[in-house]
Full PDB file with SEQRES, HELIX, SHEET, SSBOND, CRYST1, ORIGX, SCALE, CONECT and MASTER records, all heavy atoms in Angstrom:
SEQRES   1 A   31  ASN ASN ASN LYS LEU TRP GLY THR VAL LEU ASN GLY ILE          
SEQRES   2 A   31  GLU VAL CYS ASN PRO ASP LYS ILE GLN GLU TRP ASP MET          
SEQRES   3 A   31  ASP TYR LEU ILE ILE                                          
HELIX    1 AA1 PRO A   18  GLU A   23  5                                   6    
SHEET    1 AA1 2 VAL A   9  LEU A  10  0                                        
SHEET    2 AA1 2 ILE A  13  GLU A  14 -1                                        
CRYST1    1.000    1.000    1.000  90.00  90.00  90.00 P 1           1          
ORIGX1      1.000000  0.000000  0.000000        0.00000                         
ORIGX2      0.000000  1.000000  0.000000        0.00000                         
ORIGX3      0.000000  0.000000  1.000000        0.00000                         
SCALE1      1.000000  0.000000  0.000000        0.00000                         
SCALE2      0.000000  1.000000  0.000000        0.00000                         
SCALE3      0.000000  0.000000  1.000000        0.00000                         
ATOM      1  N   ASN A   1     -11.829  17.190  18.514  1.00  0.00           N  
ATOM      2  CA  ASN A   1     -11.502  18.396  19.279  1.00  0.00           C  
ATOM      3  C   ASN A   1     -12.540  19.499  19.121  1.00  0.00           C  
ATOM      4  O   ASN A   1     -12.500  20.486  19.849  1.00  0.00           O  
ATOM      5  CB  ASN A   1     -10.125  18.931  18.863  1.00  0.00           C  
ATOM      6  CG  ASN A   1      -8.997  18.132  19.473  1.00  0.00           C  
ATOM      7  OD1 ASN A   1      -9.026  17.801  20.653  1.00  0.00           O  
ATOM      8  ND2 ASN A   1      -7.993  17.784  18.673  1.00  0.00           N  
ATOM      9  N   ASN A   2     -13.466  19.341  18.195  1.00  0.00           N  
ATOM     10  CA  ASN A   2     -14.532  20.327  17.999  1.00  0.00           C  
ATOM     11  C   ASN A   2     -15.624  20.083  19.036  1.00  0.00           C  
ATOM     12  O   ASN A   2     -16.410  19.158  18.924  1.00  0.00           O  
ATOM     13  CB  ASN A   2     -15.098  20.216  16.587  1.00  0.00           C  
ATOM     14  CG  ASN A   2     -16.151  21.270  16.301  1.00  0.00           C  
ATOM     15  OD1 ASN A   2     -16.601  22.006  17.183  1.00  0.00           O  
ATOM     16  ND2 ASN A   2     -16.573  21.343  15.055  1.00  0.00           N  
ATOM     17  N   ASN A   3     -15.677  20.944  20.058  1.00  0.00           N  
ATOM     18  CA  ASN A   3     -16.634  20.701  21.146  1.00  0.00           C  
ATOM     19  C   ASN A   3     -18.092  20.836  20.712  1.00  0.00           C  
ATOM     20  O   ASN A   3     -19.002  20.408  21.408  1.00  0.00           O  
ATOM     21  CB  ASN A   3     -16.355  21.617  22.349  1.00  0.00           C  
ATOM     22  CG  ASN A   3     -16.374  23.096  21.984  1.00  0.00           C  
ATOM     23  OD1 ASN A   3     -16.871  23.485  20.936  1.00  0.00           O  
ATOM     24  ND2 ASN A   3     -15.837  23.927  22.861  1.00  0.00           N  
ATOM     25  N   LYS A   4     -18.330  21.426  19.534  1.00  0.00           N  
ATOM     26  CA  LYS A   4     -19.702  21.520  19.040  1.00  0.00           C  
ATOM     27  C   LYS A   4     -20.247  20.151  18.617  1.00  0.00           C  
ATOM     28  O   LYS A   4     -21.457  19.966  18.479  1.00  0.00           O  
ATOM     29  CB  LYS A   4     -19.784  22.497  17.870  1.00  0.00           C  
ATOM     30  CG  LYS A   4     -19.497  23.947  18.269  1.00  0.00           C  
ATOM     31  CD  LYS A   4     -19.601  24.878  17.074  1.00  0.00           C  
ATOM     32  CE  LYS A   4     -19.293  26.319  17.478  1.00  0.00           C  
ATOM     33  NZ  LYS A   4     -19.370  27.251  16.328  1.00  0.00           N  
ATOM     34  N   LEU A   5     -19.342  19.192  18.410  1.00  0.00           N  
ATOM     35  CA  LEU A   5     -19.750  17.849  17.992  1.00  0.00           C  
ATOM     36  C   LEU A   5     -19.983  16.917  19.170  1.00  0.00           C  
ATOM     37  O   LEU A   5     -20.594  15.864  19.014  1.00  0.00           O  
ATOM     38  CB  LEU A   5     -18.694  17.245  17.064  1.00  0.00           C  
ATOM     39  CG  LEU A   5     -18.457  17.937  15.720  1.00  0.00           C  
ATOM     40  CD1 LEU A   5     -17.323  17.243  14.971  1.00  0.00           C  
ATOM     41  CD2 LEU A   5     -19.732  17.937  14.884  1.00  0.00           C  
ATOM     42  N   TRP A   6     -19.490  17.298  20.360  1.00  0.00           N  
ATOM     43  CA  TRP A   6     -19.600  16.410  21.519  1.00  0.00           C  
ATOM     44  C   TRP A   6     -21.066  16.144  21.835  1.00  0.00           C  
ATOM     45  O   TRP A   6     -21.890  17.059  21.875  1.00  0.00           O  
ATOM     46  CB  TRP A   6     -18.906  17.015  22.740  1.00  0.00           C  
ATOM     47  CG  TRP A   6     -17.438  17.222  22.545  1.00  0.00           C  
ATOM     48  CD1 TRP A   6     -16.658  16.721  21.543  1.00  0.00           C  
ATOM     49  CD2 TRP A   6     -16.574  18.006  23.370  1.00  0.00           C  
ATOM     50  NE1 TRP A   6     -15.362  17.142  21.688  1.00  0.00           N  
ATOM     51  CE2 TRP A   6     -15.273  17.940  22.797  1.00  0.00           C  
ATOM     52  CE3 TRP A   6     -16.761  18.772  24.510  1.00  0.00           C  
ATOM     53  CZ2 TRP A   6     -14.192  18.599  23.356  1.00  0.00           C  
ATOM     54  CZ3 TRP A   6     -15.677  19.435  25.067  1.00  0.00           C  
ATOM     55  CH2 TRP A   6     -14.402  19.339  24.495  1.00  0.00           C  
ATOM     56  N   GLY A   7     -21.404  14.880  22.036  1.00  0.00           N  
ATOM     57  CA  GLY A   7     -22.767  14.501  22.357  1.00  0.00           C  
ATOM     58  C   GLY A   7     -23.602  14.161  21.137  1.00  0.00           C  
ATOM     59  O   GLY A   7     -24.686  13.588  21.265  1.00  0.00           O  
ATOM     60  N   THR A   8     -23.110  14.509  19.946  1.00  0.00           N  
ATOM     61  CA  THR A   8     -23.825  14.127  18.734  1.00  0.00           C  
ATOM     62  C   THR A   8     -23.513  12.670  18.402  1.00  0.00           C  
ATOM     63  O   THR A   8     -22.606  12.065  18.981  1.00  0.00           O  
ATOM     64  CB  THR A   8     -23.445  15.025  17.546  1.00  0.00           C  
ATOM     65  OG1 THR A   8     -22.047  14.896  17.269  1.00  0.00           O  
ATOM     66  CG2 THR A   8     -23.743  16.483  17.846  1.00  0.00           C  
ATOM     67  N   VAL A   9     -24.276  12.119  17.476  1.00  0.00           N  
ATOM     68  CA  VAL A   9     -24.127  10.700  17.137  1.00  0.00           C  
ATOM     69  C   VAL A   9     -23.896  10.556  15.641  1.00  0.00           C  
ATOM     70  O   VAL A   9     -24.650  11.114  14.835  1.00  0.00           O  
ATOM     71  CB  VAL A   9     -25.374   9.898  17.562  1.00  0.00           C  
ATOM     72  CG1 VAL A   9     -25.251   8.445  17.130  1.00  0.00           C  
ATOM     73  CG2 VAL A   9     -25.571   9.988  19.069  1.00  0.00           C  
ATOM     74  N   LEU A  10     -22.842   9.836  15.259  1.00  0.00           N  
ATOM     75  CA  LEU A  10     -22.537   9.547  13.860  1.00  0.00           C  
ATOM     76  C   LEU A  10     -22.570   8.047  13.653  1.00  0.00           C  
ATOM     77  O   LEU A  10     -21.873   7.308  14.358  1.00  0.00           O  
ATOM     78  CB  LEU A  10     -21.154  10.095  13.482  1.00  0.00           C  
ATOM     79  CG  LEU A  10     -20.954  11.609  13.575  1.00  0.00           C  
ATOM     80  CD1 LEU A  10     -19.497  11.958  13.269  1.00  0.00           C  
ATOM     81  CD2 LEU A  10     -21.880  12.341  12.620  1.00  0.00           C  
ATOM     82  N   ASN A  11     -23.391   7.594  12.713  1.00  0.00           N  
ATOM     83  CA  ASN A  11     -23.506   6.160  12.435  1.00  0.00           C  
ATOM     84  C   ASN A  11     -23.774   5.341  13.694  1.00  0.00           C  
ATOM     85  O   ASN A  11     -23.243   4.253  13.884  1.00  0.00           O  
ATOM     86  CB  ASN A  11     -22.236   5.644  11.743  1.00  0.00           C  
ATOM     87  CG  ASN A  11     -21.991   6.337  10.425  1.00  0.00           C  
ATOM     88  OD1 ASN A  11     -21.089   7.161  10.306  1.00  0.00           O  
ATOM     89  ND2 ASN A  11     -22.784   6.027   9.424  1.00  0.00           N  
ATOM     90  N   GLY A  12     -24.587   5.924  14.581  1.00  0.00           N  
ATOM     91  CA  GLY A  12     -24.928   5.230  15.814  1.00  0.00           C  
ATOM     92  C   GLY A  12     -23.866   5.275  16.887  1.00  0.00           C  
ATOM     93  O   GLY A  12     -23.991   4.593  17.916  1.00  0.00           O  
ATOM     94  N   ILE A  13     -22.811   6.078  16.691  1.00  0.00           N  
ATOM     95  CA  ILE A  13     -21.692   6.145  17.629  1.00  0.00           C  
ATOM     96  C   ILE A  13     -21.575   7.568  18.166  1.00  0.00           C  
ATOM     97  O   ILE A  13     -21.595   8.530  17.397  1.00  0.00           O  
ATOM     98  CB  ILE A  13     -20.373   5.741  16.949  1.00  0.00           C  
ATOM     99  CG1 ILE A  13     -20.516   4.349  16.320  1.00  0.00           C  
ATOM    100  CG2 ILE A  13     -19.214   5.751  17.939  1.00  0.00           C  
ATOM    101  CD1 ILE A  13     -19.460   4.045  15.289  1.00  0.00           C  
ATOM    102  N   GLU A  14     -21.443   7.699  19.468  1.00  0.00           N  
ATOM    103  CA  GLU A  14     -21.381   9.022  20.076  1.00  0.00           C  
ATOM    104  C   GLU A  14     -20.013   9.671  19.857  1.00  0.00           C  
ATOM    105  O   GLU A  14     -18.976   9.017  19.927  1.00  0.00           O  
ATOM    106  CB  GLU A  14     -21.651   8.932  21.585  1.00  0.00           C  
ATOM    107  CG  GLU A  14     -21.662  10.305  22.262  1.00  0.00           C  
ATOM    108  CD  GLU A  14     -21.976  10.238  23.744  1.00  0.00           C  
ATOM    109  OE1 GLU A  14     -22.187   9.111  24.256  1.00  0.00           O  
ATOM    110  OE2 GLU A  14     -21.991  11.299  24.393  1.00  0.00           O  
ATOM    111  N   VAL A  15     -20.028  10.974  19.591  1.00  0.00           N  
ATOM    112  CA  VAL A  15     -18.790  11.756  19.490  1.00  0.00           C  
ATOM    113  C   VAL A  15     -18.494  12.350  20.863  1.00  0.00           C  
ATOM    114  O   VAL A  15     -19.353  12.997  21.462  1.00  0.00           O  
ATOM    115  CB  VAL A  15     -18.922  12.881  18.451  1.00  0.00           C  
ATOM    116  CG1 VAL A  15     -17.605  13.652  18.339  1.00  0.00           C  
ATOM    117  CG2 VAL A  15     -19.321  12.316  17.089  1.00  0.00           C  
ATOM    118  N   CYS A  16     -17.278  12.135  21.356  1.00  0.00           N  
ATOM    119  CA  CYS A  16     -16.936  12.494  22.733  1.00  0.00           C  
ATOM    120  C   CYS A  16     -15.751  13.452  22.800  1.00  0.00           C  
ATOM    121  O   CYS A  16     -15.008  13.638  21.835  1.00  0.00           O  
ATOM    122  CB  CYS A  16     -16.591  11.234  23.533  1.00  0.00           C  
ATOM    123  SG  CYS A  16     -17.892   9.990  23.570  1.00  0.00           S  
ATOM    124  N   ASN A  17     -15.574  13.999  23.979  1.00  0.00           N  
ATOM    125  CA  ASN A  17     -14.398  14.804  24.313  1.00  0.00           C  
ATOM    126  C   ASN A  17     -13.169  13.878  24.316  1.00  0.00           C  
ATOM    127  O   ASN A  17     -13.205  12.798  24.917  1.00  0.00           O  
ATOM    128  CB  ASN A  17     -14.617  15.405  25.701  1.00  0.00           C  
ATOM    129  CG  ASN A  17     -13.496  16.333  26.130  1.00  0.00           C  
ATOM    130  OD1 ASN A  17     -12.350  16.169  25.737  1.00  0.00           O  
ATOM    131  ND2 ASN A  17     -13.835  17.300  26.948  1.00  0.00           N  
ATOM    132  N   PRO A  18     -12.065  14.274  23.673  1.00  0.00           N  
ATOM    133  CA  PRO A  18     -10.862  13.415  23.666  1.00  0.00           C  
ATOM    134  C   PRO A  18     -10.352  13.047  25.046  1.00  0.00           C  
ATOM    135  O   PRO A  18      -9.685  12.014  25.198  1.00  0.00           O  
ATOM    136  CB  PRO A  18      -9.835  14.268  22.903  1.00  0.00           C  
ATOM    137  CG  PRO A  18     -10.665  15.151  22.025  1.00  0.00           C  
ATOM    138  CD  PRO A  18     -11.895  15.476  22.832  1.00  0.00           C  
ATOM    139  N   ASP A  19     -10.664  13.861  26.062  1.00  0.00           N  
ATOM    140  CA  ASP A  19     -10.187  13.543  27.410  1.00  0.00           C  
ATOM    141  C   ASP A  19     -10.708  12.194  27.908  1.00  0.00           C  
ATOM    142  O   ASP A  19     -10.113  11.570  28.783  1.00  0.00           O  
ATOM    143  CB  ASP A  19     -10.613  14.639  28.390  1.00  0.00           C  
ATOM    144  CG  ASP A  19      -9.850  15.939  28.161  1.00  0.00           C  
ATOM    145  OD1 ASP A  19      -8.834  15.904  27.444  1.00  0.00           O  
ATOM    146  OD2 ASP A  19     -10.276  16.987  28.685  1.00  0.00           O  
ATOM    147  N   LYS A  20     -11.821  11.730  27.342  1.00  0.00           N  
ATOM    148  CA  LYS A  20     -12.398  10.456  27.766  1.00  0.00           C  
ATOM    149  C   LYS A  20     -11.530   9.256  27.382  1.00  0.00           C  
ATOM    150  O   LYS A  20     -11.722   8.147  27.883  1.00  0.00           O  
ATOM    151  CB  LYS A  20     -13.805  10.290  27.183  1.00  0.00           C  
ATOM    152  CG  LYS A  20     -14.870  11.149  27.858  1.00  0.00           C  
ATOM    153  CD  LYS A  20     -16.245  10.800  27.345  1.00  0.00           C  
ATOM    154  CE  LYS A  20     -17.321  11.478  28.169  1.00  0.00           C  
ATOM    155  NZ  LYS A  20     -17.418  10.914  29.533  1.00  0.00           N  
ATOM    156  N   ILE A  21     -10.574   9.493  26.468  1.00  0.00           N  
ATOM    157  CA  ILE A  21      -9.672   8.411  26.062  1.00  0.00           C  
ATOM    158  C   ILE A  21      -9.006   7.772  27.279  1.00  0.00           C  
ATOM    159  O   ILE A  21      -8.758   6.565  27.307  1.00  0.00           O  
ATOM    160  CB  ILE A  21      -8.605   8.952  25.082  1.00  0.00           C  
ATOM    161  CG1 ILE A  21      -9.265   9.299  23.735  1.00  0.00           C  
ATOM    162  CG2 ILE A  21      -7.475   7.956  24.874  1.00  0.00           C  
ATOM    163  CD1 ILE A  21      -8.359  10.056  22.798  1.00  0.00           C  
ATOM    164  N   GLN A  22      -8.747   8.590  28.288  1.00  0.00           N  
ATOM    165  CA  GLN A  22      -8.070   8.106  29.492  1.00  0.00           C  
ATOM    166  C   GLN A  22      -8.919   7.083  30.251  1.00  0.00           C  
ATOM    167  O   GLN A  22      -8.391   6.307  31.048  1.00  0.00           O  
ATOM    168  CB  GLN A  22      -7.749   9.286  30.408  1.00  0.00           C  
ATOM    169  CG  GLN A  22      -6.877  10.344  29.752  1.00  0.00           C  
ATOM    170  CD  GLN A  22      -6.755  11.607  30.587  1.00  0.00           C  
ATOM    171  OE1 GLN A  22      -5.839  11.734  31.396  1.00  0.00           O  
ATOM    172  NE2 GLN A  22      -7.676  12.537  30.410  1.00  0.00           N  
ATOM    173  N   GLU A  23     -10.238   7.081  30.020  1.00  0.00           N  
ATOM    174  CA  GLU A  23     -11.135   6.201  30.759  1.00  0.00           C  
ATOM    175  C   GLU A  23     -11.314   4.843  30.081  1.00  0.00           C  
ATOM    176  O   GLU A  23     -11.861   3.924  30.684  1.00  0.00           O  
ATOM    177  CB  GLU A  23     -12.513   6.868  30.904  1.00  0.00           C  
ATOM    178  CG  GLU A  23     -12.474   8.236  31.560  1.00  0.00           C  
ATOM    179  CD  GLU A  23     -13.829   8.938  31.508  1.00  0.00           C  
ATOM    180  OE1 GLU A  23     -14.825   8.277  31.127  1.00  0.00           O  
ATOM    181  OE2 GLU A  23     -13.886  10.134  31.839  1.00  0.00           O  
ATOM    182  N   TRP A  24     -10.887   4.716  28.820  1.00  0.00           N  
ATOM    183  CA  TRP A  24     -11.189   3.511  28.050  1.00  0.00           C  
ATOM    184  C   TRP A  24      -9.952   2.620  27.891  1.00  0.00           C  
ATOM    185  O   TRP A  24      -8.833   3.095  27.771  1.00  0.00           O  
ATOM    186  CB  TRP A  24     -11.701   3.887  26.656  1.00  0.00           C  
ATOM    187  CG  TRP A  24     -12.939   4.730  26.655  1.00  0.00           C  
ATOM    188  CD1 TRP A  24     -13.999   4.634  27.518  1.00  0.00           C  
ATOM    189  CD2 TRP A  24     -13.245   5.800  25.761  1.00  0.00           C  
ATOM    190  NE1 TRP A  24     -14.943   5.575  27.198  1.00  0.00           N  
ATOM    191  CE2 TRP A  24     -14.513   6.303  26.131  1.00  0.00           C  
ATOM    192  CE3 TRP A  24     -12.584   6.378  24.667  1.00  0.00           C  
ATOM    193  CZ2 TRP A  24     -15.121   7.359  25.464  1.00  0.00           C  
ATOM    194  CZ3 TRP A  24     -13.187   7.430  23.994  1.00  0.00           C  
ATOM    195  CH2 TRP A  24     -14.440   7.900  24.397  1.00  0.00           C  
ATOM    196  N   ASP A  25     -10.197   1.338  27.844  1.00  0.00           N  
ATOM    197  CA  ASP A  25      -9.136   0.353  27.595  1.00  0.00           C  
ATOM    198  C   ASP A  25      -9.338  -0.191  26.179  1.00  0.00           C  
ATOM    199  O   ASP A  25     -10.113  -1.120  25.970  1.00  0.00           O  
ATOM    200  CB  ASP A  25      -9.211  -0.773  28.632  1.00  0.00           C  
ATOM    201  CG  ASP A  25      -8.089  -1.789  28.449  1.00  0.00           C  
ATOM    202  OD1 ASP A  25      -7.085  -1.442  27.781  1.00  0.00           O  
ATOM    203  OD2 ASP A  25      -8.228  -2.915  28.941  1.00  0.00           O  
ATOM    204  N   MET A  26      -8.659   0.403  25.215  1.00  0.00           N  
ATOM    205  CA  MET A  26      -8.859   0.091  23.809  1.00  0.00           C  
ATOM    206  C   MET A  26      -7.628  -0.608  23.230  1.00  0.00           C  
ATOM    207  O   MET A  26      -6.499  -0.387  23.690  1.00  0.00           O  
ATOM    208  CB  MET A  26      -9.123   1.372  23.010  1.00  0.00           C  
ATOM    209  CG  MET A  26     -10.423   2.087  23.364  1.00  0.00           C  
ATOM    210  SD  MET A  26     -11.877   1.169  22.831  1.00  0.00           S  
ATOM    211  CE  MET A  26     -12.479   0.559  24.408  1.00  0.00           C  
ATOM    212  N   ASP A  27      -7.842  -1.423  22.193  1.00  0.00           N  
ATOM    213  CA  ASP A  27      -6.721  -2.058  21.504  1.00  0.00           C  
ATOM    214  C   ASP A  27      -5.955  -1.037  20.669  1.00  0.00           C  
ATOM    215  O   ASP A  27      -4.723  -1.033  20.644  1.00  0.00           O  
ATOM    216  CB  ASP A  27      -7.232  -3.175  20.589  1.00  0.00           C  
ATOM    217  CG  ASP A  27      -7.832  -4.325  21.385  1.00  0.00           C  
ATOM    218  OD1 ASP A  27      -7.147  -4.828  22.280  1.00  0.00           O  
ATOM    219  OD2 ASP A  27      -8.986  -4.703  21.107  1.00  0.00           O  
ATOM    220  N   TYR A  28      -6.705  -0.189  19.949  1.00  0.00           N  
ATOM    221  CA  TYR A  28      -6.059   0.781  19.057  1.00  0.00           C  
ATOM    222  C   TYR A  28      -6.826   2.099  19.056  1.00  0.00           C  
ATOM    223  O   TYR A  28      -8.043   2.140  19.303  1.00  0.00           O  
ATOM    224  CB  TYR A  28      -6.014   0.261  17.609  1.00  0.00           C  
ATOM    225  CG  TYR A  28      -5.134  -0.938  17.423  1.00  0.00           C  
ATOM    226  CD1 TYR A  28      -5.670  -2.227  17.441  1.00  0.00           C  
ATOM    227  CD2 TYR A  28      -3.763  -0.794  17.224  1.00  0.00           C  
ATOM    228  CE1 TYR A  28      -4.866  -3.337  17.271  1.00  0.00           C  
ATOM    229  CE2 TYR A  28      -2.946  -1.901  17.048  1.00  0.00           C  
ATOM    230  CZ  TYR A  28      -3.499  -3.173  17.071  1.00  0.00           C  
ATOM    231  OH  TYR A  28      -2.689  -4.260  16.896  1.00  0.00           O  
ATOM    232  N   LEU A  29      -6.106   3.150  18.764  1.00  0.00           N  
ATOM    233  CA  LEU A  29      -6.711   4.439  18.438  1.00  0.00           C  
ATOM    234  C   LEU A  29      -6.337   4.748  16.994  1.00  0.00           C  
ATOM    235  O   LEU A  29      -5.151   4.724  16.637  1.00  0.00           O  
ATOM    236  CB  LEU A  29      -6.214   5.555  19.355  1.00  0.00           C  
ATOM    237  CG  LEU A  29      -6.851   6.930  19.090  1.00  0.00           C  
ATOM    238  CD1 LEU A  29      -7.147   7.658  20.389  1.00  0.00           C  
ATOM    239  CD2 LEU A  29      -5.976   7.802  18.182  1.00  0.00           C  
ATOM    240  N   ILE A  30      -7.332   5.002  16.162  1.00  0.00           N  
ATOM    241  CA  ILE A  30      -7.090   5.282  14.747  1.00  0.00           C  
ATOM    242  C   ILE A  30      -7.327   6.770  14.495  1.00  0.00           C  
ATOM    243  O   ILE A  30      -8.402   7.296  14.797  1.00  0.00           O  
ATOM    244  CB  ILE A  30      -8.019   4.450  13.844  1.00  0.00           C  
ATOM    245  CG1 ILE A  30      -7.845   2.954  14.134  1.00  0.00           C  
ATOM    246  CG2 ILE A  30      -7.727   4.742  12.377  1.00  0.00           C  
ATOM    247  CD1 ILE A  30      -8.749   2.062  13.327  1.00  0.00           C  
ATOM    248  N   ILE A  31      -6.325   7.433  13.980  1.00  0.00           N  
ATOM    249  CA  ILE A  31      -6.445   8.862  13.666  1.00  0.00           C  
ATOM    250  C   ILE A  31      -7.143   8.999  12.322  1.00  0.00           C  
ATOM    251  O   ILE A  31      -6.576   8.680  11.274  1.00  0.00           O  
ATOM    252  CB  ILE A  31      -5.070   9.551  13.649  1.00  0.00           C  
ATOM    253  CG1 ILE A  31      -4.387   9.424  15.016  1.00  0.00           C  
ATOM    254  CG2 ILE A  31      -5.215  11.023  13.268  1.00  0.00           C  
ATOM    255  CD1 ILE A  31      -2.975   9.965  15.042  1.00  0.00           C  
TER     256      ILE A  31                                                      
MASTER        0    0    0    1    2    0    0    6  255    1    0    3          
END                                                                             
């Protein structure tokens, strides 16, 4: 939810806006 992190990369994985969850077909979401 921290928009300052959006677009940054952690361990080779992009940090995104949570709204994008609606676009993905995932098995699980881990909090």
